[in-house]
C-alpha atoms as a PDB file:
ATOM      1  CA  MET A   1      48.522 256.411 266.662  1.00  0.00           C
ATOM      2  CA  SER A   2      51.256 258.118 264.552  1.00  0.00           C
ATOM      3  CA  LEU A   3      53.244 260.708 266.381  1.00  0.00           C
ATOM      4  CA  GLU A   4      55.816 260.978 263.711  1.00  0.00           C
ATOM      5  CA  LYS A   5      54.694 264.748 262.801  1.00  0.00           C
ATOM      6  CA  ARG A   6      54.803 265.823 266.741  1.00  0.00           C
ATOM      7  CA  ILE A   7      56.917 268.741 267.610  1.00  0.00           C
ATOM      8  CA  LYS A   8      58.049 269.888 271.216  1.00  0.00           C
ATOM      9  CA  ILE A   9      56.291 273.301 272.552  1.00  0.00           C
ATOM     10  CA  SER A  10      59.715 275.011 272.435  1.00  0.00           C
ATOM     11  CA  GLU A  11      59.619 274.673 268.772  1.00  0.00           C
ATOM     12  CA  LEU A  12      56.506 276.460 268.113  1.00  0.00           C
ATOM     13  CA  PRO A  13      58.204 279.738 267.141  1.00  0.00           C
ATOM     14  CA  PHE A  14      59.288 278.080 263.949  1.00  0.00           C
ATOM     15  CA  TYR A  15      55.963 277.150 263.036  1.00  0.00           C
ATOM     16  CA  GLU A  16      54.095 280.439 263.311  1.00  0.00           C
ATOM     17  CA  GLY A  17      51.239 280.596 260.851  1.00  0.00           C
ATOM     18  CA  LYS A  18      51.607 276.808 260.106  1.00  0.00           C
ATOM     19  CA  SER A  19      49.726 273.584 261.378  1.00  0.00           C
ATOM     20  CA  ALA A  20      51.709 271.792 264.109  1.00  0.00           C
ATOM     21  CA  THR A  21      51.031 268.601 266.108  1.00  0.00           C
ATOM     22  CA  LEU A  22      52.023 268.420 269.986  1.00  0.00           C
ATOM     23  CA  ALA A  23      51.604 265.746 272.571  1.00  0.00           C
ATOM     24  CA  GLY A  24      51.597 265.949 276.299  1.00  0.00           C
ATOM     25  CA  PHE A  25      49.637 266.066 279.711  1.00  0.00           C
ATOM     26  CA  VAL A  26      46.409 268.152 280.315  1.00  0.00           C
ATOM     27  CA  LYS A  27      47.284 270.461 282.904  1.00  0.00           C
ATOM     28  CA  GLU A  28      44.159 272.535 283.024  1.00  0.00           C
ATOM     29  CA  ILE A  29      40.786 272.702 281.345  1.00  0.00           C
ATOM     30  CA  ARG A  30      38.805 275.970 281.271  1.00  0.00           C
ATOM     31  CA  LYS A  31      35.322 276.653 279.535  1.00  0.00           C
ATOM     32  CA  ALA A  32      34.195 279.953 278.396  1.00  0.00           C
ATOM     33  CA  LYS A  33      30.938 280.758 276.708  1.00  0.00           C
ATOM     34  CA  HIS A  34      32.062 279.894 273.032  1.00  0.00           C
ATOM     35  CA  LEU A  35      35.605 278.386 273.733  1.00  0.00           C
ATOM     36  CA  ILE A  36      37.243 275.509 275.546  1.00  0.00           C
ATOM     37  CA  PHE A  37      40.839 276.274 276.808  1.00  0.00           C
ATOM     38  CA  ILE A  38      43.331 273.638 277.494  1.00  0.00           C
ATOM     39  CA  VAL A  39      46.905 273.947 278.857  1.00  0.00           C
ATOM     40  CA  LEU A  40      49.189 271.285 277.679  1.00  0.00           C
ATOM     41  CA  ARG A  41      52.300 270.556 279.290  1.00  0.00           C
ATOM     42  CA  GLU A  42      55.374 268.464 278.236  1.00  0.00           C
ATOM     43  CA  GLN A  43      58.987 268.645 279.070  1.00  0.00           C
ATOM     44  CA  SER A  44      59.962 271.468 276.993  1.00  0.00           C
ATOM     45  CA  GLY A  45      57.135 273.829 278.259  1.00  0.00           C
ATOM     46  CA  GLU A  46      53.496 274.680 278.431  1.00  0.00           C
ATOM     47  CA  VAL A  47      51.329 276.110 275.649  1.00  0.00           C
ATOM     48  CA  GLN A  48      47.561 277.094 275.668  1.00  0.00           C
ATOM     49  CA  VAL A  49      45.212 275.501 273.128  1.00  0.00           C
ATOM     50  CA  PHE A  50      41.688 276.684 272.515  1.00  0.00           C
ATOM     51  CA  PHE A  51      38.819 274.988 270.512  1.00  0.00           C
ATOM     52  CA  SER A  52      35.340 276.279 269.512  1.00  0.00           C
ATOM     53  CA  LYS A  53      32.564 274.633 271.448  1.00  0.00           C
ATOM     54  CA  GLU A  54      30.808 274.013 268.178  1.00  0.00           C
ATOM     55  CA  GLU A  55      33.712 272.191 266.609  1.00  0.00           C
ATOM     56  CA  VAL A  56      34.672 269.709 269.195  1.00  0.00           C
ATOM     57  CA  SER A  57      33.448 268.349 272.855  1.00  0.00           C
ATOM     58  CA  PHE A  58      35.492 267.384 275.579  1.00  0.00           C
ATOM     59  CA  LEU A  59      32.982 265.870 277.985  1.00  0.00           C
ATOM     60  CA  SER A  60      35.073 262.969 279.061  1.00  0.00           C
ATOM     61  CA  LEU A  61      38.628 264.873 279.114  1.00  0.00           C
ATOM     62  CA  THR A  62      40.238 264.948 282.550  1.00  0.00           C
ATOM     63  CA  ARG A  63      43.169 266.787 283.799  1.00  0.00           C
ATOM     64  CA  GLU A  64      46.539 264.873 283.580  1.00  0.00           C
ATOM     65  CA  SER A  65      45.186 262.791 280.572  1.00  0.00           C
ATOM     66  CA  VAL A  66      47.674 262.311 277.783  1.00  0.00           C
ATOM     67  CA  VAL A  67      46.570 263.840 274.451  1.00  0.00           C
ATOM     68  CA  LYS A  68      47.702 264.598 271.039  1.00  0.00           C
ATOM     69  CA  VAL A  69      46.383 267.923 269.508  1.00  0.00           C
ATOM     70  CA  THR A  70      46.795 269.531 266.159  1.00  0.00           C
ATOM     71  CA  GLY A  71      46.163 273.100 265.416  1.00  0.00           C
ATOM     72  CA  LEU A  72      47.430 276.358 263.865  1.00  0.00           C
ATOM     73  CA  VAL A  73      50.058 278.084 265.568  1.00  0.00           C
ATOM     74  CA  GLN A  74      49.618 281.726 266.420  1.00  0.00           C
ATOM     75  CA  ARG A  75      50.735 284.422 268.836  1.00  0.00           C
ATOM     76  CA  ASN A  76      48.343 285.723 271.344  1.00  0.00           C
ATOM     77  CA  SER A  77      47.954 289.553 270.482  1.00  0.00           C
ATOM     78  CA  ASP A  78      47.517 290.382 274.224  1.00  0.00           C
ATOM     79  CA  ASN A  79      50.661 288.988 275.910  1.00  0.00           C
ATOM     80  CA  GLY A  80      52.507 287.719 272.795  1.00  0.00           C
ATOM     81  CA  ASN A  81      53.029 284.192 273.950  1.00  0.00           C
ATOM     82  CA  TYR A  82      52.301 281.392 271.400  1.00  0.00           C
ATOM     83  CA  GLU A  83      49.363 279.253 271.296  1.00  0.00           C
ATOM     84  CA  LEU A  84      47.419 276.731 269.296  1.00  0.00           C
ATOM     85  CA  LYS A  85      44.028 277.204 267.471  1.00  0.00           C
ATOM     86  CA  GLY A  86      42.951 273.695 267.777  1.00  0.00           C
ATOM     87  CA  GLU A  87      41.836 271.668 264.897  1.00  0.00           C
ATOM     88  CA  SER A  88      41.663 268.159 266.508  1.00  0.00           C
ATOM     89  CA  LEU A  89      42.349 266.319 269.747  1.00  0.00           C
ATOM     90  CA  THR A  90      43.040 262.565 270.352  1.00  0.00           C
ATOM     91  CA  THR A  91      43.119 261.166 273.999  1.00  0.00           C
ATOM     92  CA  LEU A  92      45.998 258.726 274.141  1.00  0.00           C
ATOM     93  CA  SER A  93      45.403 257.814 277.645  1.00  0.00           C
ATOM     94  CA  LEU A  94      42.540 258.994 279.762  1.00  0.00           C
ATOM     95  CA  SER A  95      43.508 260.006 283.504  1.00  0.00           C
ATOM     96  CA  LYS A  96      41.476 258.850 286.462  1.00  0.00           C
ATOM     97  CA  PRO A  97      40.785 261.492 289.006  1.00  0.00           C
ATOM     98  CA  ILE A  98      44.343 262.417 290.307  1.00  0.00           C
ATOM     99  CA  PRO A  99      45.161 261.517 293.980  1.00  0.00           C
ATOM    100  CA  ILE A 100      47.340 264.212 294.777  1.00  0.00           C
ATOM    101  CA  GLU A 101      47.506 267.848 293.822  1.00  0.00           C
ATOM    102  CA  ILE A 102      50.459 268.648 291.577  1.00  0.00           C
ATOM    103  CA  GLY A 103      50.860 272.299 292.693  1.00  0.00           C
ATOM    104  CA  GLU A 104      54.021 273.056 294.898  1.00  0.00           C
ATOM    105  CA  GLU A 105      53.891 270.568 297.617  1.00  0.00           C
ATOM    106  CA  LYS A 106      50.146 271.203 298.453  1.00  0.00           C
ATOM    107  CA  SER A 107      49.875 267.239 299.386  1.00  0.00           C
ATOM    108  CA  ASP A 108      51.592 265.518 302.476  1.00  0.00           C
ATOM    109  CA  GLU A 109      54.782 264.115 301.795  1.00  0.00           C
ATOM    110  CA  ARG A 110      54.116 260.394 302.574  1.00  0.00           C
ATOM    111  CA  HIS A 111      51.065 260.934 300.181  1.00  0.00           C
ATOM    112  CA  ARG A 112      53.043 262.380 297.353  1.00  0.00           C
ATOM    113  CA  MET A 113      55.689 259.749 297.838  1.00  0.00           C
ATOM    114  CA  ARG A 114      53.022 256.868 297.444  1.00  0.00           C
ATOM    115  CA  TYR A 115      52.200 258.613 294.058  1.00  0.00           C
ATOM    116  CA  ARG A 116      55.683 259.586 293.108  1.00  0.00           C
ATOM    117  CA  TYR A 117      55.240 258.848 289.389  1.00  0.00           C
ATOM    118  CA  ILE A 118      52.586 261.709 289.290  1.00  0.00           C
ATOM    119  CA  ASP A 119      54.296 263.953 291.889  1.00  0.00           C
ATOM    120  CA  LEU A 120      57.440 263.946 289.329  1.00  0.00           C
ATOM    121  CA  ARG A 121      55.422 266.129 287.103  1.00  0.00           C
ATOM    122  CA  ARG A 122      55.667 269.049 289.600  1.00  0.00           C
ATOM    123  CA  LYS A 123      57.382 272.197 287.978  1.00  0.00           C
ATOM    124  CA  SER A 124      59.873 272.549 290.617  1.00  0.00           C
ATOM    125  CA  LEU A 125      60.910 268.891 290.650  1.00  0.00           C
ATOM    126  CA  GLN A 126      61.064 268.999 286.817  1.00  0.00           C
ATOM    127  CA  GLU A 127      63.538 271.888 286.924  1.00  0.00           C
ATOM    128  CA  SER A 128      65.565 270.405 289.748  1.00  0.00           C
ATOM    129  CA  ILE A 129      66.263 267.363 287.698  1.00  0.00           C
ATOM    130  CA  ARG A 130      67.024 269.039 284.644  1.00  0.00           C
ATOM    131  CA  PHE A 131      69.344 271.425 286.400  1.00  0.00           C
ATOM    132  CA  TYR A 132      71.266 268.357 287.817  1.00  0.00           C
ATOM    133  CA  SER A 133      71.477 266.804 284.330  1.00  0.00           C
ATOM    134  CA  THR A 134      72.867 270.053 283.022  1.00  0.00           C
ATOM    135  CA  SER A 135      75.256 270.558 285.999  1.00  0.00           C
ATOM    136  CA  ARG A 136      76.536 266.919 285.459  1.00  0.00           C
ATOM    137  CA  HIS A 137      77.269 267.692 281.835  1.00  0.00           C
ATOM    138  CA  ILE A 138      78.779 270.742 282.498  1.00  0.00           C
ATOM    139  CA  ALA A 139      81.018 269.293 285.190  1.00  0.00           C
ATOM    140  CA  SER A 140      81.993 266.408 282.902  1.00  0.00           C
ATOM    141  CA  ASN A 141      83.161 268.758 280.011  1.00  0.00           C
ATOM    142  CA  TYR A 142      84.962 271.031 282.423  1.00  0.00           C
ATOM    143  CA  LEU A 143      86.862 268.247 283.947  1.00  0.00           C
ATOM    144  CA  HIS A 144      87.687 266.719 280.727  1.00  0.00           C
ATOM    145  CA  SER A 145      89.123 270.023 279.396  1.00  0.00           C
ATOM    146  CA  LYS A 146      91.316 269.723 282.332  1.00  0.00           C
ATOM    147  CA  GLY A 147      92.907 266.378 281.671  1.00  0.00           C
ATOM    148  CA  PHE A 148      90.839 264.403 283.863  1.00  0.00           C
ATOM    149  CA  LEU A 149      89.722 260.760 282.919  1.00  0.00           C
ATOM    150  CA  GLU A 150      86.237 259.681 284.030  1.00  0.00           C
ATOM    151  CA  ILE A 151      86.429 256.087 285.442  1.00  0.00           C
ATOM    152  CA  SER A 152      83.843 254.113 287.071  1.00  0.00           C
ATOM    153  CA  THR A 153      84.905 252.004 290.310  1.00  0.00           C
ATOM    154  CA  PRO A 154      82.942 248.964 291.689  1.00  0.00           C
ATOM    155  CA  ALA A 155      80.140 249.404 294.043  1.00  0.00           C
ATOM    156  CA  LEU A 156      80.416 245.985 295.480  1.00  0.00           C
ATOM    157  CA  SER A 157      83.591 246.132 297.905  1.00  0.00           C
ATOM    158  CA  PHE A 158      84.902 244.581 300.880  1.00  0.00           C
ATOM    159  CA  GLN A 159      84.635 245.774 304.516  1.00  0.00           C
ATOM    160  CA  SER A 160      87.151 248.656 305.137  1.00  0.00           C
ATOM    161  CA  ARG A 161      87.738 251.088 308.191  1.00  0.00           C
ATOM    162  CA  GLU A 162      86.371 254.403 306.560  1.00  0.00           C
ATOM    163  CA  GLY A 163      84.622 255.587 309.682  1.00  0.00           C
ATOM    164  CA  ALA A 164      80.924 254.853 308.800  1.00  0.00           C
ATOM    165  CA  HIS A 165      78.460 251.825 308.906  1.00  0.00           C
ATOM    166  CA  THR A 166      78.107 249.904 305.833  1.00  0.00           C
ATOM    167  CA  PHE A 167      75.357 247.815 303.959  1.00  0.00           C
ATOM    168  CA  SER A 168      76.262 244.192 303.209  1.00  0.00           C
ATOM    169  CA  THR A 169      74.994 241.702 300.802  1.00  0.00           C
ATOM    170  CA  MET A 170      73.853 238.517 301.907  1.00  0.00           C
ATOM    171  CA  PRO A 171      75.577 235.022 300.887  1.00  0.00           C
ATOM    172  CA  THR A 172      73.515 232.971 298.582  1.00  0.00           C
ATOM    173  CA  LYS A 173      73.647 229.362 297.092  1.00  0.00           C
ATOM    174  CA  HIS A 174      75.542 230.705 294.164  1.00  0.00           C
ATOM    175  CA  ILE A 175      77.585 233.434 295.708  1.00  0.00           C
ATOM    176  CA  ARG A 176      79.034 232.466 299.111  1.00  0.00           C
ATOM    177  CA  GLN A 177      81.173 235.659 299.342  1.00  0.00           C
ATOM    178  CA  SER A 178      79.485 238.599 301.351  1.00  0.00           C
ATOM    179  CA  PHE A 179      80.177 242.091 299.898  1.00  0.00           C
ATOM    180  CA  THR A 180      79.894 245.620 301.310  1.00  0.00           C
ATOM    181  CA  LEU A 181      78.284 248.650 299.261  1.00  0.00           C
ATOM    182  CA  SER A 182      81.046 250.986 298.818  1.00  0.00           C
ATOM    183  CA  GLN A 183      80.901 254.115 301.299  1.00  0.00           C
ATOM    184  CA  SER A 184      83.097 255.986 298.710  1.00  0.00           C
ATOM    185  CA  PRO A 185      85.699 255.404 295.939  1.00  0.00           C
ATOM    186  CA  GLN A 186      88.402 256.218 298.272  1.00  0.00           C
ATOM    187  CA  LEU A 187      90.486 253.033 297.993  1.00  0.00           C
ATOM    188  CA  TYR A 188      89.894 252.599 294.412  1.00  0.00           C
ATOM    189  CA  LYS A 189      90.953 256.017 293.465  1.00  0.00           C
ATOM    190  CA  GLN A 190      94.139 255.662 295.456  1.00  0.00           C
ATOM    191  CA  LEU A 191      94.989 252.575 293.570  1.00  0.00           C
ATOM    192  CA  LEU A 192      94.213 254.635 290.190  1.00  0.00           C
ATOM    193  CA  MET A 193      96.925 257.283 291.293  1.00  0.00           C
ATOM    194  CA  ILE A 194      99.306 254.492 292.044  1.00  0.00           C
ATOM    195  CA  GLY A 195      98.490 252.791 288.811  1.00  0.00           C
ATOM    196  CA  GLY A 196      99.553 256.265 286.893  1.00  0.00           C
ATOM    197  CA  PHE A 197      96.278 257.773 286.285  1.00  0.00           C
ATOM    198  CA  GLU A 198      97.127 261.384 287.538  1.00  0.00           C
ATOM    199  CA  ARG A 199      93.708 262.873 287.187  1.00  0.00           C
ATOM    200  CA  TYR A 200      90.481 260.884 287.890  1.00  0.00           C
ATOM    201  CA  PHE A 201      86.737 261.812 288.514  1.00  0.00           C
ATOM    202  CA  GLN A 202      83.322 259.933 288.469  1.00  0.00           C
ATOM    203  CA  PHE A 203      79.850 260.572 289.570  1.00  0.00           C
ATOM    204  CA  ALA A 204      79.780 257.831 292.260  1.00  0.00           C
ATOM    205  CA  ASN A 205      77.051 256.376 294.032  1.00  0.00           C
ATOM    206  CA  CYS A 206      77.831 255.773 297.629  1.00  0.00           C
ATOM    207  CA  PHE A 207      76.021 253.946 300.313  1.00  0.00           C
ATOM    208  CA  ARG A 208      76.060 254.575 304.159  1.00  0.00           C
ATOM    209  CA  ALA A 209      74.157 252.916 306.865  1.00  0.00           C
ATOM    210  CA  GLU A 210      73.733 255.898 309.066  1.00  0.00           C
ATOM    211  CA  GLU A 211      70.907 257.533 310.754  1.00  0.00           C
ATOM    212  CA  LEU A 212      68.856 259.750 308.250  1.00  0.00           C
ATOM    213  CA  ARG A 213      69.192 263.356 308.432  1.00  0.00           C
ATOM    214  CA  GLU A 214      68.682 266.330 306.166  1.00  0.00           C
ATOM    215  CA  ASP A 215      72.177 266.157 304.552  1.00  0.00           C
ATOM    216  CA  ARG A 216      72.648 262.321 304.732  1.00  0.00           C
ATOM    217  CA  GLN A 217      70.786 259.607 303.125  1.00  0.00           C
ATOM    218  CA  TYR A 218      71.414 255.863 302.704  1.00  0.00           C
ATOM    219  CA  GLU A 219      72.313 256.105 299.212  1.00  0.00           C
ATOM    220  CA  PHE A 220      73.645 259.375 297.578  1.00  0.00           C
ATOM    221  CA  MET A 221      75.831 260.585 294.473  1.00  0.00           C
ATOM    222  CA  GLN A 222      78.900 262.542 294.785  1.00  0.00           C
ATOM    223  CA  LEU A 223      81.389 264.032 292.462  1.00  0.00           C
ATOM    224  CA  ASP A 224      84.493 262.377 293.388  1.00  0.00           C
ATOM    225  CA  LEU A 225      87.899 263.485 292.056  1.00  0.00           C
ATOM    226  CA  GLU A 226      91.575 262.915 292.803  1.00  0.00           C
ATOM    227  CA  MET A 227      94.708 264.244 291.383  1.00  0.00           C
ATOM    228  CA  SER A 228      98.352 263.282 291.867  1.00  0.00           C
ATOM    229  CA  PHE A 229     101.347 265.813 292.048  1.00  0.00           C
ATOM    230  CA  SER A 230      99.075 268.617 292.944  1.00  0.00           C
ATOM    231  CA  HIS A 231      98.838 271.236 295.656  1.00  0.00           C
ATOM    232  CA  ARG A 232      96.261 273.149 297.567  1.00  0.00           C
ATOM    233  CA  LYS A 233      96.140 276.378 295.321  1.00  0.00           C
ATOM    234  CA  GLU A 234      95.572 274.291 292.230  1.00  0.00           C
ATOM    235  CA  LEU A 235      92.750 272.368 293.865  1.00  0.00           C
ATOM    236  CA  PHE A 236      91.049 275.325 295.072  1.00  0.00           C
ATOM    237  CA  ASP A 237      91.274 276.941 291.523  1.00  0.00           C
ATOM    238  CA  LEU A 238      89.957 273.722 290.071  1.00  0.00           C
ATOM    239  CA  ILE A 239      86.979 273.717 292.199  1.00  0.00           C
ATOM    240  CA  GLU A 240      86.138 277.374 292.087  1.00  0.00           C
ATOM    241  CA  GLY A 241      86.216 277.201 288.319  1.00  0.00           C
ATOM    242  CA  LEU A 242      83.905 274.253 288.225  1.00  0.00           C
ATOM    243  CA  LEU A 243      81.414 275.835 290.480  1.00  0.00           C
ATOM    244  CA  ARG A 244      81.346 279.141 288.402  1.00  0.00           C
ATOM    245  CA  GLN A 245      80.817 277.111 285.112  1.00  0.00           C
ATOM    246  CA  VAL A 246      77.748 275.337 287.018  1.00  0.00           C
ATOM    247  CA  LEU A 247      76.356 278.268 288.721  1.00  0.00           C
ATOM    248  CA  SER A 248      76.532 280.347 285.675  1.00  0.00           C
ATOM    249  CA  LYS A 249      73.490 278.087 284.276  1.00  0.00           C
ATOM    250  CA  LEU A 250      71.170 279.050 287.141  1.00  0.00           C
ATOM    251  CA  PRO A 251      68.017 280.779 286.291  1.00  0.00           C
ATOM    252  CA  GLU A 252      68.631 284.543 286.285  1.00  0.00           C
ATOM    253  CA  HIS A 253      66.651 285.361 289.368  1.00  0.00           C
ATOM    254  CA  LEU A 254      68.864 283.021 291.320  1.00  0.00           C
ATOM    255  CA  LYS A 255      72.057 284.372 289.957  1.00  0.00           C
ATOM    256  CA  GLY A 256      74.229 286.363 292.352  1.00  0.00           C
ATOM    257  CA  GLU A 257      77.876 287.482 292.532  1.00  0.00           C
ATOM    258  CA  ILE A 258      79.929 284.320 292.906  1.00  0.00           C
ATOM    259  CA  THR A 259      83.027 284.879 295.294  1.00  0.00           C
ATOM    260  CA  PHE A 260      85.076 282.233 297.404  1.00  0.00           C
ATOM    261  CA  ASN A 261      86.644 283.510 300.474  1.00  0.00           C
ATOM    262  CA  THR A 262      89.126 281.476 302.175  1.00  0.00           C
ATOM    263  CA  LEU A 263      89.429 280.724 306.042  1.00  0.00           C
ATOM    264  CA  THR A 264      92.085 278.820 307.757  1.00  0.00           C
ATOM    265  CA  TYR A 265      91.213 275.925 310.043  1.00  0.00           C
ATOM    266  CA  TRP A 266      92.237 278.211 313.019  1.00  0.00           C
ATOM    267  CA  GLU A 267      90.314 281.081 311.761  1.00  0.00           C
ATOM    268  CA  ALA A 268      87.301 279.058 311.175  1.00  0.00           C
ATOM    269  CA  LEU A 269      87.430 277.855 314.843  1.00  0.00           C
ATOM    270  CA  GLU A 270      88.260 281.469 316.361  1.00  0.00           C
ATOM    271  CA  LYS A 271      85.486 283.121 314.563  1.00  0.00           C
ATOM    272  CA  TYR A 272      82.838 280.302 314.431  1.00  0.00           C
ATOM    273  CA  GLY A 273      83.643 277.721 316.838  1.00  0.00           C
ATOM    274  CA  THR A 274      83.627 274.879 314.145  1.00  0.00           C
ATOM    275  CA  ASP A 275      85.644 273.894 311.251  1.00  0.00           C
ATOM    276  CA  LYS A 276      82.620 273.664 308.889  1.00  0.00           C
ATOM    277  CA  PRO A 277      81.159 277.095 309.613  1.00  0.00           C
ATOM    278  CA  ASP A 278      78.107 278.845 307.856  1.00  0.00           C
ATOM    279  CA  THR A 279      79.557 282.012 307.137  1.00  0.00           C
ATOM    280  CA  ARG A 280      76.302 283.531 306.556  1.00  0.00           C
ATOM    281  CA  TYR A 281      75.959 283.553 310.575  1.00  0.00           C
ATOM    282  CA  PRO A 282      76.472 287.261 311.588  1.00  0.00           C
ATOM    283  CA  ASN A 283      77.384 286.605 315.273  1.00  0.00           C
ATOM    284  CA  LEU A 284      81.210 286.005 315.325  1.00  0.00           C
ATOM    285  CA  ILE A 285      83.060 284.942 318.448  1.00  0.00           C
ATOM    286  CA  ILE A 286      85.356 287.762 319.850  1.00  0.00           C
ATOM    287  CA  ASN A 287      88.382 286.961 321.584  1.00  0.00           C
ATOM    288  CA  LEU A 288      88.637 289.169 324.579  1.00  0.00           C
ATOM    289  CA  THR A 289      91.453 287.446 326.317  1.00  0.00           C
ATOM    290  CA  ASP A 290      94.169 290.252 325.237  1.00  0.00           C
ATOM    291  CA  HIS A 291      91.902 292.823 327.122  1.00  0.00           C
ATOM    292  CA  LEU A 292      91.950 290.880 330.380  1.00  0.00           C
ATOM    293  CA  PRO A 293      94.206 292.135 333.204  1.00  0.00           C
ATOM    294  CA  LYS A 294      97.584 290.360 333.220  1.00  0.00           C
ATOM    295  CA  GLU A 295      97.331 289.578 337.081  1.00  0.00           C
ATOM    296  CA  LEU A 296      94.446 287.044 336.232  1.00  0.00           C
ATOM    297  CA  GLY A 297      97.149 284.695 334.804  1.00  0.00           C
ATOM    298  CA  GLU A 298      96.018 282.120 331.946  1.00  0.00           C
ATOM    299  CA  VAL A 299      92.473 283.081 331.723  1.00  0.00           C
ATOM    300  CA  TYR A 300      90.637 283.045 328.377  1.00  0.00           C
ATOM    301  CA  CYS A 301      87.696 285.124 327.586  1.00  0.00           C
ATOM    302  CA  PHE A 302      85.300 284.944 324.432  1.00  0.00           C
ATOM    303  CA  GLY A 303      82.251 286.694 323.570  1.00  0.00           C
ATOM    304  CA  LEU A 304      79.450 286.917 321.125  1.00  0.00           C
ATOM    305  CA  ILE A 305      77.692 290.083 320.038  1.00  0.00           C
ATOM    306  CA  PHE A 306      73.811 289.738 319.292  1.00  0.00           C
ATOM    307  CA  ARG A 307      72.241 292.527 317.436  1.00  0.00           C
ATOM    308  CA  GLY A 308      68.524 293.036 317.894  1.00  0.00           C
ATOM    309  CA  GLU A 309      66.137 293.463 320.873  1.00  0.00           C
ATOM    310  CA  PHE A 310      65.899 290.464 323.291  1.00  0.00           C
ATOM    311  CA  SER A 311      63.419 290.618 326.299  1.00  0.00           C
ATOM    312  CA  HIS A 312      65.271 287.687 327.945  1.00  0.00           C
ATOM    313  CA  PRO A 313      68.757 287.333 326.913  1.00  0.00           C
ATOM    314  CA  GLU A 314      69.441 284.659 329.687  1.00  0.00           C
ATOM    315  CA  ASP A 315      66.964 282.257 328.116  1.00  0.00           C
ATOM    316  CA  ILE A 316      69.244 282.287 324.858  1.00  0.00           C
ATOM    317  CA  LEU A 317      72.334 281.605 326.876  1.00  0.00           C
ATOM    318  CA  SER A 318      70.801 279.069 328.888  1.00  0.00           C
ATOM    319  CA  ASN A 319      70.442 276.932 325.697  1.00  0.00           C
ATOM    320  CA  ILE A 320      74.033 277.103 325.209  1.00  0.00           C
ATOM    321  CA  GLU A 321      75.607 276.490 328.740  1.00  0.00           C
ATOM    322  CA  GLN A 322      74.877 277.112 332.169  1.00  0.00           C
ATOM    323  CA  GLY A 323      77.138 279.889 333.884  1.00  0.00           C
ATOM    324  CA  LEU A 324      77.669 282.073 330.976  1.00  0.00           C
ATOM    325  CA  LYS A 325      77.660 285.947 331.646  1.00  0.00           C
ATOM    326  CA  TYR A 326      75.964 288.511 329.727  1.00  0.00           C
ATOM    327  CA  SER A 327      75.639 292.298 329.195  1.00  0.00           C
ATOM    328  CA  SER A 328      73.020 293.994 327.237  1.00  0.00           C
ATOM    329  CA  VAL A 329      72.891 297.673 326.081  1.00  0.00           C
ATOM    330  CA  ASP A 330      69.495 299.454 325.380  1.00  0.00           C
ATOM    331  CA  LYS A 331      68.819 302.319 322.951  1.00  0.00           C
ATOM    332  CA  GLU A 332      69.625 304.750 325.785  1.00  0.00           C
ATOM    333  CA  GLY A 333      73.076 303.141 326.410  1.00  0.00           C
ATOM    334  CA  LYS A 334      72.092 301.663 329.790  1.00  0.00           C
ATOM    335  CA  ILE A 335      73.987 298.320 330.494  1.00  0.00           C
ATOM    336  CA  GLU A 336      72.321 295.655 332.285  1.00  0.00           C
ATOM    337  CA  GLY A 337      73.176 292.077 332.558  1.00  0.00           C
ATOM    338  CA  SER A 338      74.502 289.027 334.699  1.00  0.00           C
ATOM    339  CA  GLN A 339      78.364 290.268 334.125  1.00  0.00           C
ATOM    340  CA  GLU A 340      80.341 290.582 337.284  1.00  0.00           C
ATOM    341  CA  GLU A 341      82.187 293.888 338.189  1.00  0.00           C
END
């Protein structure tokens, strides 16, 4: 079946008033009184194709089948979208009833993973993977423009003390040496710096045999870079510029003002109690030590202010640590709580 004349859906504006051939998945089939409508989906977008019932019959066509359609490209007078007035349809691969719903995560995750090849057709996954590809391309171009070299380092490595558990290969009849899968390119990029490669980066596959959690998997990819003869401000400016380049390609409804606030290590500990804070958290730690009477000696006092209505504030504190004191102020200004006089 020849597909030499096939165009992408995104190219339809260039073919208005002309015949065009498309190929893709059947997302939806609707039947009206005299017409049959098909929503065709492929990587570049979606388009509606309509046929007259007198011209063609789709008795055996199913959702997610792969088809080739040819028709006249025209604009819908109601919404201005491009559509195809179908002339012919050829089924390239007839789909069996699909085992999962391709809507936005309507099926159980384990079930979706079993049929991952179908689940990958979901719009949100398609957009995420395309954005990843675009981001990687932008980052590579940006770093090359800053004098960086992209250098790939080995995934097979030797045991090192990097603070995480590792995956190891098993010796075989032909290869008696056991290797570990690289936790990070740390040692290799240091060798590159010693070797005179002053600016390096790579998209590195890393492996860590640690308990799974939301932000840690057995295998993950990271943008890894290293610079010689550098300083903190140069590094901050580089990363901020990179993030601005990538985030500028987000869909319009996700874009916002891009600002980078700087916290010192001690400021982070003093305000948030951790060196990796979520700065969206509104309830900052307040140091009250300077307001204590001097006769108390070396006593430290810190507080948190929670804004809102809490019927049982002691329950909140009990989840943090026993013995904490609290005060609450109602709308009339009345103070209650477990504070000591």
